[in-house]
Amino acid sequence: MKRNILIVPLVSLAAFAGYVGYWKARHPEPAPAVVRPSDEYATRDGHKEAEADFAAGKLVLIESTPPVSWDRERREIARTKYGLELRSREGEVSTEAFTKYADAYNRVMRPKIVARHGRGVFDAIHREAIARWEARPQPSTVKSP
């Protein structure tokens, strides 16, 4: 019986000593966060490509927002009525370089679109697309027996 009384404290003391040893041991420092340089020419490239597209007669906007339910109608109206191409990066992760490129591209192209079609062109596209989408017969979600 006396043996059991000694074993429990000795095992506990050994476990405690092991824990203290682990706690005081030096653990490797976590690796510092690496800041990857973005493409320093992305802004310049976006600006130049927008100017080249406009000179070629193309009106293009690069979108980075997720599509809305009336996106198909909006793209169709922009293309047919205004000659405007709406590009998006569906399903791809946006990098900092692409964001800079798209911002520079749109900063050049947006005023040119407004100058050609008027100040409310984007609102008109959105309103007409929503009206078409609402007028379109929606699929029924209720199953009939």
N, C-alpha and C. Protein backbone atom coordinates (compact mmCIF):
# COMPACT_ATOMS: atom_id res chain seq x y z
N MET A 1 0.82 -1.19 0.00
CA MET A 1 0.00 0.00 0.00
C MET A 1 0.86 1.25 0.00
N LYS A 2 1.97 1.20 0.77
CA LYS A 2 2.83 2.38 0.84
C LYS A 2 3.48 2.67 -0.50
N ARG A 3 3.69 1.63 -1.30
CA ARG A 3 4.28 1.84 -2.61
C ARG A 3 3.38 2.69 -3.49
N ASN A 4 2.08 2.41 -3.47
CA ASN A 4 1.13 3.17 -4.28
C ASN A 4 1.09 4.62 -3.85
N ILE A 5 1.25 4.86 -2.58
CA ILE A 5 1.21 6.23 -2.08
C ILE A 5 2.40 7.01 -2.63
N LEU A 6 3.53 6.38 -2.83
CA LEU A 6 4.71 7.06 -3.35
C LEU A 6 4.68 7.19 -4.87
N ILE A 7 4.07 6.26 -5.57
CA ILE A 7 4.08 6.28 -7.03
C ILE A 7 3.29 7.47 -7.58
N VAL A 8 2.12 7.74 -7.05
CA VAL A 8 1.28 8.82 -7.56
C VAL A 8 1.98 10.17 -7.46
N PRO A 9 2.55 10.54 -6.30
CA PRO A 9 3.24 11.84 -6.26
C PRO A 9 4.47 11.88 -7.17
N LEU A 10 5.20 10.76 -7.28
CA LEU A 10 6.38 10.76 -8.14
C LEU A 10 6.01 10.93 -9.61
N VAL A 11 4.95 10.28 -10.06
CA VAL A 11 4.50 10.42 -11.45
C VAL A 11 4.02 11.85 -11.68
N SER A 12 3.30 12.40 -10.72
CA SER A 12 2.81 13.77 -10.84
C SER A 12 3.97 14.75 -10.90
N LEU A 13 4.99 14.54 -10.05
CA LEU A 13 6.16 15.42 -10.03
C LEU A 13 6.92 15.32 -11.35
N ALA A 14 7.04 14.12 -11.91
CA ALA A 14 7.72 13.94 -13.19
C ALA A 14 6.95 14.63 -14.31
N ALA A 15 5.63 14.51 -14.30
CA ALA A 15 4.82 15.17 -15.32
C ALA A 15 4.94 16.68 -15.21
N PHE A 16 4.93 17.19 -13.98
CA PHE A 16 5.07 18.63 -13.78
C PHE A 16 6.43 19.11 -14.25
N ALA A 17 7.49 18.37 -13.94
CA ALA A 17 8.84 18.75 -14.37
C ALA A 17 8.94 18.74 -15.90
N GLY A 18 8.33 17.76 -16.53
CA GLY A 18 8.33 17.71 -17.99
C GLY A 18 7.60 18.90 -18.60
N TYR A 19 6.49 19.27 -17.99
CA TYR A 19 5.72 20.41 -18.49
C TYR A 19 6.52 21.70 -18.33
N VAL A 20 7.18 21.88 -17.17
CA VAL A 20 7.97 23.09 -16.94
C VAL A 20 9.14 23.14 -17.92
N GLY A 21 9.77 22.00 -18.17
CA GLY A 21 10.87 21.95 -19.14
C GLY A 21 10.40 22.34 -20.53
N TYR A 22 9.24 21.85 -20.92
CA TYR A 22 8.69 22.19 -22.23
C TYR A 22 8.34 23.67 -22.29
N TRP A 23 7.77 24.18 -21.21
CA TRP A 23 7.32 25.56 -21.17
C TRP A 23 8.50 26.53 -21.26
N LYS A 24 9.62 26.18 -20.62
CA LYS A 24 10.79 27.05 -20.62
C LYS A 24 11.68 26.88 -21.85
N ALA A 25 11.46 25.82 -22.60
CA ALA A 25 12.29 25.58 -23.78
C ALA A 25 12.06 26.68 -24.81
N ARG A 26 13.08 26.95 -25.57
CA ARG A 26 12.96 27.98 -26.61
C ARG A 26 12.27 27.38 -27.82
N HIS A 27 11.22 28.03 -28.20
CA HIS A 27 10.49 27.62 -29.39
C HIS A 27 10.90 28.55 -30.52
N PRO A 28 10.93 28.05 -31.72
CA PRO A 28 11.32 28.92 -32.84
C PRO A 28 10.31 30.05 -33.02
N GLU A 29 10.85 31.20 -33.33
CA GLU A 29 9.99 32.37 -33.56
C GLU A 29 9.19 32.14 -34.84
N PRO A 30 7.95 32.57 -34.84
CA PRO A 30 7.20 32.44 -36.10
C PRO A 30 7.83 33.30 -37.18
N ALA A 31 7.76 32.82 -38.39
CA ALA A 31 8.35 33.56 -39.51
C ALA A 31 7.62 34.88 -39.68
N PRO A 32 8.37 35.95 -39.90
CA PRO A 32 7.71 37.25 -40.10
C PRO A 32 6.90 37.25 -41.39
N ALA A 33 5.85 38.03 -41.38
CA ALA A 33 5.02 38.13 -42.58
C ALA A 33 5.83 38.77 -43.70
N VAL A 34 5.78 38.15 -44.83
CA VAL A 34 6.53 38.64 -45.98
C VAL A 34 5.60 39.49 -46.83
N VAL A 35 6.01 40.70 -47.05
CA VAL A 35 5.25 41.58 -47.93
C VAL A 35 5.81 41.42 -49.33
N ARG A 36 4.99 40.88 -50.18
CA ARG A 36 5.44 40.67 -51.54
C ARG A 36 5.22 41.94 -52.34
N PRO A 37 6.22 42.34 -53.05
CA PRO A 37 6.05 43.58 -53.82
C PRO A 37 5.04 43.35 -54.94
N SER A 38 4.19 44.32 -55.11
CA SER A 38 3.23 44.20 -56.21
C SER A 38 3.89 44.74 -57.48
N ASP A 39 3.23 44.51 -58.55
CA ASP A 39 3.76 44.97 -59.84
C ASP A 39 3.76 46.50 -59.84
N GLU A 40 4.94 47.07 -59.89
CA GLU A 40 5.04 48.53 -59.82
C GLU A 40 4.56 49.20 -61.10
N TYR A 41 4.38 48.42 -62.15
CA TYR A 41 3.96 48.99 -63.42
C TYR A 41 2.48 48.74 -63.72
N ALA A 42 1.76 48.18 -62.77
CA ALA A 42 0.35 47.83 -63.01
C ALA A 42 -0.48 49.07 -63.32
N THR A 43 -0.25 50.15 -62.58
CA THR A 43 -1.01 51.37 -62.81
C THR A 43 -0.70 51.95 -64.19
N ARG A 44 0.57 51.98 -64.52
CA ARG A 44 0.97 52.50 -65.83
C ARG A 44 0.38 51.65 -66.96
N ASP A 45 0.43 50.32 -66.79
CA ASP A 45 -0.10 49.43 -67.82
C ASP A 45 -1.60 49.60 -68.00
N GLY A 46 -2.32 49.73 -66.89
CA GLY A 46 -3.77 49.93 -66.98
C GLY A 46 -4.11 51.21 -67.71
N HIS A 47 -3.37 52.26 -67.41
CA HIS A 47 -3.59 53.56 -68.06
C HIS A 47 -3.33 53.46 -69.57
N LYS A 48 -2.20 52.85 -69.93
CA LYS A 48 -1.83 52.74 -71.35
C LYS A 48 -2.80 51.86 -72.12
N GLU A 49 -3.21 50.75 -71.53
CA GLU A 49 -4.12 49.86 -72.24
C GLU A 49 -5.50 50.48 -72.41
N ALA A 50 -5.94 51.26 -71.44
CA ALA A 50 -7.22 51.95 -71.57
C ALA A 50 -7.16 52.97 -72.70
N GLU A 51 -6.07 53.71 -72.77
CA GLU A 51 -5.90 54.68 -73.86
C GLU A 51 -5.88 53.98 -75.22
N ALA A 52 -5.18 52.83 -75.29
CA ALA A 52 -5.10 52.09 -76.55
C ALA A 52 -6.46 51.53 -76.94
N ASP A 53 -7.21 51.00 -75.97
CA ASP A 53 -8.55 50.47 -76.27
C ASP A 53 -9.48 51.58 -76.74
N PHE A 54 -9.41 52.73 -76.10
CA PHE A 54 -10.27 53.84 -76.52
C PHE A 54 -9.90 54.33 -77.91
N ALA A 55 -8.60 54.38 -78.19
CA ALA A 55 -8.15 54.79 -79.53
C ALA A 55 -8.62 53.80 -80.59
N ALA A 56 -8.76 52.52 -80.20
CA ALA A 56 -9.24 51.50 -81.13
C ALA A 56 -10.76 51.48 -81.22
N GLY A 57 -11.42 52.36 -80.48
CA GLY A 57 -12.87 52.45 -80.53
C GLY A 57 -13.60 51.54 -79.56
N LYS A 58 -12.88 50.94 -78.63
CA LYS A 58 -13.50 50.05 -77.65
C LYS A 58 -13.83 50.82 -76.38
N LEU A 59 -15.01 50.57 -75.85
CA LEU A 59 -15.39 51.08 -74.53
C LEU A 59 -15.49 49.88 -73.61
N VAL A 60 -14.63 49.82 -72.62
CA VAL A 60 -14.55 48.66 -71.73
C VAL A 60 -14.46 49.14 -70.30
N LEU A 61 -15.14 48.43 -69.40
CA LEU A 61 -14.97 48.64 -67.96
C LEU A 61 -14.60 47.31 -67.34
N ILE A 62 -13.67 47.33 -66.41
CA ILE A 62 -13.27 46.13 -65.70
C ILE A 62 -13.95 46.15 -64.34
N GLU A 63 -14.74 45.11 -64.07
CA GLU A 63 -15.49 45.03 -62.82
C GLU A 63 -14.84 44.03 -61.89
N SER A 64 -14.88 44.34 -60.61
CA SER A 64 -14.34 43.40 -59.62
C SER A 64 -15.40 43.01 -58.60
N THR A 65 -16.63 43.41 -58.84
CA THR A 65 -17.71 43.08 -57.92
C THR A 65 -18.36 41.77 -58.32
N PRO A 66 -18.95 41.06 -57.37
CA PRO A 66 -19.63 39.82 -57.73
C PRO A 66 -20.87 40.11 -58.58
N PRO A 67 -21.24 39.19 -59.44
CA PRO A 67 -22.39 39.43 -60.30
C PRO A 67 -23.70 39.52 -59.51
N VAL A 68 -24.62 40.31 -60.02
CA VAL A 68 -25.94 40.45 -59.41
C VAL A 68 -26.92 39.59 -60.20
N SER A 69 -28.14 39.46 -59.70
CA SER A 69 -29.11 38.57 -60.35
C SER A 69 -29.49 39.07 -61.74
N TRP A 70 -29.42 40.34 -61.97
CA TRP A 70 -29.78 40.91 -63.27
C TRP A 70 -28.53 41.26 -64.08
N ASP A 71 -27.45 40.56 -63.83
CA ASP A 71 -26.17 40.84 -64.49
C ASP A 71 -26.23 40.56 -66.00
N ARG A 72 -26.90 39.49 -66.38
CA ARG A 72 -26.97 39.13 -67.81
C ARG A 72 -27.66 40.25 -68.61
N GLU A 73 -28.76 40.76 -68.08
CA GLU A 73 -29.48 41.84 -68.76
C GLU A 73 -28.63 43.11 -68.81
N ARG A 74 -27.93 43.40 -67.72
CA ARG A 74 -27.09 44.60 -67.65
C ARG A 74 -25.98 44.55 -68.69
N ARG A 75 -25.32 43.41 -68.81
CA ARG A 75 -24.24 43.26 -69.80
C ARG A 75 -24.78 43.37 -71.23
N GLU A 76 -25.95 42.77 -71.46
CA GLU A 76 -26.55 42.82 -72.79
C GLU A 76 -26.92 44.25 -73.18
N ILE A 77 -27.52 44.99 -72.27
CA ILE A 77 -27.90 46.38 -72.55
C ILE A 77 -26.66 47.23 -72.79
N ALA A 78 -25.65 47.05 -71.95
CA ALA A 78 -24.42 47.83 -72.10
C ALA A 78 -23.77 47.55 -73.45
N ARG A 79 -23.80 46.29 -73.87
CA ARG A 79 -23.16 45.92 -75.13
C ARG A 79 -23.97 46.39 -76.34
N THR A 80 -25.28 46.13 -76.34
CA THR A 80 -26.08 46.42 -77.53
C THR A 80 -26.44 47.90 -77.66
N LYS A 81 -26.84 48.51 -76.58
CA LYS A 81 -27.34 49.88 -76.65
C LYS A 81 -26.23 50.93 -76.59
N TYR A 82 -25.17 50.63 -75.81
CA TYR A 82 -24.11 51.63 -75.60
C TYR A 82 -22.75 51.22 -76.17
N GLY A 83 -22.62 50.00 -76.66
CA GLY A 83 -21.34 49.55 -77.19
C GLY A 83 -20.27 49.42 -76.12
N LEU A 84 -20.71 49.10 -74.92
CA LEU A 84 -19.82 49.04 -73.75
C LEU A 84 -19.62 47.59 -73.34
N GLU A 85 -18.38 47.17 -73.24
CA GLU A 85 -18.05 45.82 -72.79
C GLU A 85 -17.74 45.86 -71.30
N LEU A 86 -18.41 45.00 -70.54
CA LEU A 86 -18.16 44.90 -69.10
C LEU A 86 -17.39 43.62 -68.85
N ARG A 87 -16.15 43.75 -68.45
CA ARG A 87 -15.30 42.59 -68.16
C ARG A 87 -15.29 42.34 -66.67
N SER A 88 -15.24 41.07 -66.30
CA SER A 88 -15.14 40.75 -64.87
C SER A 88 -14.20 39.58 -64.70
N ARG A 89 -13.73 39.42 -63.47
CA ARG A 89 -12.83 38.32 -63.14
C ARG A 89 -13.61 37.34 -62.27
N GLU A 90 -14.52 36.63 -62.88
CA GLU A 90 -15.35 35.69 -62.14
C GLU A 90 -14.52 34.48 -61.73
N GLY A 91 -14.64 34.12 -60.46
CA GLY A 91 -13.99 32.92 -59.97
C GLY A 91 -12.50 33.04 -59.73
N GLU A 92 -11.91 34.18 -59.95
CA GLU A 92 -10.48 34.35 -59.73
C GLU A 92 -10.24 35.27 -58.54
N VAL A 93 -9.15 35.02 -57.87
CA VAL A 93 -8.78 35.85 -56.74
C VAL A 93 -8.10 37.11 -57.27
N SER A 94 -8.51 38.24 -56.76
CA SER A 94 -7.94 39.51 -57.20
C SER A 94 -6.64 39.77 -56.43
N THR A 95 -5.59 40.08 -57.15
CA THR A 95 -4.33 40.43 -56.51
C THR A 95 -4.24 41.94 -56.41
N GLU A 96 -3.28 42.39 -55.64
CA GLU A 96 -3.08 43.83 -55.49
C GLU A 96 -2.70 44.46 -56.83
N ALA A 97 -1.88 43.76 -57.59
CA ALA A 97 -1.46 44.29 -58.88
C ALA A 97 -2.65 44.41 -59.83
N PHE A 98 -3.53 43.40 -59.85
CA PHE A 98 -4.70 43.49 -60.73
C PHE A 98 -5.63 44.60 -60.28
N THR A 99 -5.79 44.78 -58.98
CA THR A 99 -6.65 45.85 -58.47
C THR A 99 -6.12 47.21 -58.91
N LYS A 100 -4.80 47.40 -58.83
CA LYS A 100 -4.20 48.67 -59.28
C LYS A 100 -4.40 48.86 -60.78
N TYR A 101 -4.21 47.77 -61.52
CA TYR A 101 -4.38 47.83 -62.98
C TYR A 101 -5.82 48.21 -63.33
N ALA A 102 -6.79 47.53 -62.72
CA ALA A 102 -8.21 47.78 -63.02
C ALA A 102 -8.61 49.20 -62.62
N ASP A 103 -8.12 49.67 -61.47
CA ASP A 103 -8.44 51.04 -61.05
C ASP A 103 -7.90 52.06 -62.05
N ALA A 104 -6.66 51.87 -62.48
CA ALA A 104 -6.07 52.81 -63.45
C ALA A 104 -6.81 52.74 -64.78
N TYR A 105 -7.15 51.54 -65.20
CA TYR A 105 -7.88 51.37 -66.46
C TYR A 105 -9.23 52.08 -66.40
N ASN A 106 -9.96 51.83 -65.32
CA ASN A 106 -11.30 52.43 -65.19
C ASN A 106 -11.23 53.94 -64.99
N ARG A 107 -10.17 54.44 -64.33
CA ARG A 107 -10.02 55.89 -64.15
C ARG A 107 -9.89 56.61 -65.49
N VAL A 108 -9.31 55.94 -66.46
CA VAL A 108 -9.19 56.53 -67.80
C VAL A 108 -10.50 56.33 -68.59
N MET A 109 -11.05 55.13 -68.51
CA MET A 109 -12.17 54.77 -69.38
C MET A 109 -13.51 55.36 -68.92
N ARG A 110 -13.74 55.45 -67.63
CA ARG A 110 -15.04 55.91 -67.12
C ARG A 110 -15.38 57.33 -67.60
N PRO A 111 -14.47 58.31 -67.51
CA PRO A 111 -14.82 59.65 -68.02
C PRO A 111 -15.08 59.67 -69.53
N LYS A 112 -14.40 58.82 -70.27
CA LYS A 112 -14.61 58.77 -71.72
C LYS A 112 -15.99 58.20 -72.04
N ILE A 113 -16.43 57.22 -71.26
CA ILE A 113 -17.77 56.66 -71.45
C ILE A 113 -18.82 57.70 -71.12
N VAL A 114 -18.62 58.41 -70.02
CA VAL A 114 -19.56 59.46 -69.61
C VAL A 114 -19.59 60.58 -70.65
N ALA A 115 -18.44 60.94 -71.19
CA ALA A 115 -18.39 62.00 -72.20
C ALA A 115 -19.14 61.59 -73.47
N ARG A 116 -19.07 60.32 -73.81
CA ARG A 116 -19.72 59.86 -75.04
C ARG A 116 -21.23 59.65 -74.86
N HIS A 117 -21.65 59.10 -73.71
CA HIS A 117 -23.06 58.71 -73.54
C HIS A 117 -23.83 59.55 -72.52
N GLY A 118 -23.19 60.45 -71.86
CA GLY A 118 -23.90 61.29 -70.90
C GLY A 118 -23.66 60.85 -69.47
N ARG A 119 -23.96 61.77 -68.57
CA ARG A 119 -23.64 61.58 -67.16
C ARG A 119 -24.37 60.40 -66.51
N GLY A 120 -25.60 60.15 -66.86
CA GLY A 120 -26.38 59.11 -66.19
C GLY A 120 -26.37 57.77 -66.90
N VAL A 121 -25.36 57.51 -67.69
CA VAL A 121 -25.33 56.29 -68.49
C VAL A 121 -25.35 55.03 -67.62
N PHE A 122 -24.60 55.01 -66.55
CA PHE A 122 -24.53 53.81 -65.72
C PHE A 122 -25.84 53.59 -64.96
N ASP A 123 -26.45 54.67 -64.49
CA ASP A 123 -27.74 54.55 -63.83
C ASP A 123 -28.80 54.07 -64.81
N ALA A 124 -28.76 54.58 -66.03
CA ALA A 124 -29.73 54.16 -67.05
C ALA A 124 -29.59 52.67 -67.36
N ILE A 125 -28.36 52.21 -67.48
CA ILE A 125 -28.12 50.79 -67.74
C ILE A 125 -28.69 49.95 -66.60
N HIS A 126 -28.41 50.36 -65.38
CA HIS A 126 -28.87 49.59 -64.22
C HIS A 126 -30.40 49.58 -64.14
N ARG A 127 -31.02 50.75 -64.32
CA ARG A 127 -32.49 50.81 -64.23
C ARG A 127 -33.14 49.95 -65.31
N GLU A 128 -32.65 50.05 -66.53
CA GLU A 128 -33.24 49.27 -67.62
C GLU A 128 -33.02 47.77 -67.41
N ALA A 129 -31.85 47.40 -66.91
CA ALA A 129 -31.57 45.98 -66.67
C ALA A 129 -32.47 45.43 -65.57
N ILE A 130 -32.69 46.20 -64.52
CA ILE A 130 -33.57 45.74 -63.44
C ILE A 130 -35.00 45.61 -63.96
N ALA A 131 -35.44 46.57 -64.77
CA ALA A 131 -36.79 46.50 -65.32
C ALA A 131 -36.95 45.27 -66.22
N ARG A 132 -35.96 44.98 -67.05
CA ARG A 132 -36.03 43.78 -67.90
C ARG A 132 -36.03 42.51 -67.07
N TRP A 133 -35.21 42.50 -66.03
CA TRP A 133 -35.11 41.31 -65.19
C TRP A 133 -36.43 41.07 -64.46
N GLU A 134 -37.06 42.14 -63.97
CA GLU A 134 -38.34 41.99 -63.27
C GLU A 134 -39.45 41.58 -64.22
N ALA A 135 -39.39 42.01 -65.48
CA ALA A 135 -40.41 41.66 -66.47
C ALA A 135 -40.25 40.23 -66.98
N ARG A 136 -39.06 39.70 -66.86
CA ARG A 136 -38.80 38.34 -67.32
C ARG A 136 -39.54 37.35 -66.42
N PRO A 137 -40.16 36.32 -66.98
CA PRO A 137 -40.84 35.34 -66.13
C PRO A 137 -39.83 34.60 -65.26
N GLN A 138 -40.07 34.63 -63.97
CA GLN A 138 -39.16 33.99 -63.02
C GLN A 138 -39.55 32.52 -62.86
N PRO A 139 -38.58 31.64 -62.73
CA PRO A 139 -38.92 30.22 -62.53
C PRO A 139 -39.61 30.05 -61.19
N SER A 140 -40.61 29.22 -61.18
CA SER A 140 -41.38 28.98 -59.96
C SER A 140 -40.57 28.10 -59.02
N THR A 141 -40.56 28.48 -57.75
CA THR A 141 -39.84 27.68 -56.75
C THR A 141 -40.75 26.69 -56.06
N VAL A 142 -42.07 26.83 -56.26
CA VAL A 142 -43.04 25.93 -55.63
C VAL A 142 -43.38 24.83 -56.63
N LYS A 143 -43.24 23.59 -56.18
CA LYS A 143 -43.56 22.46 -57.05
C LYS A 143 -45.05 22.17 -56.96
N SER A 144 -45.65 21.96 -58.11
CA SER A 144 -47.07 21.61 -58.10
C SER A 144 -47.21 20.10 -58.01
N PRO A 145 -48.26 19.63 -57.32
CA PRO A 145 -48.41 18.17 -57.13
C PRO A 145 -48.83 17.45 -58.36
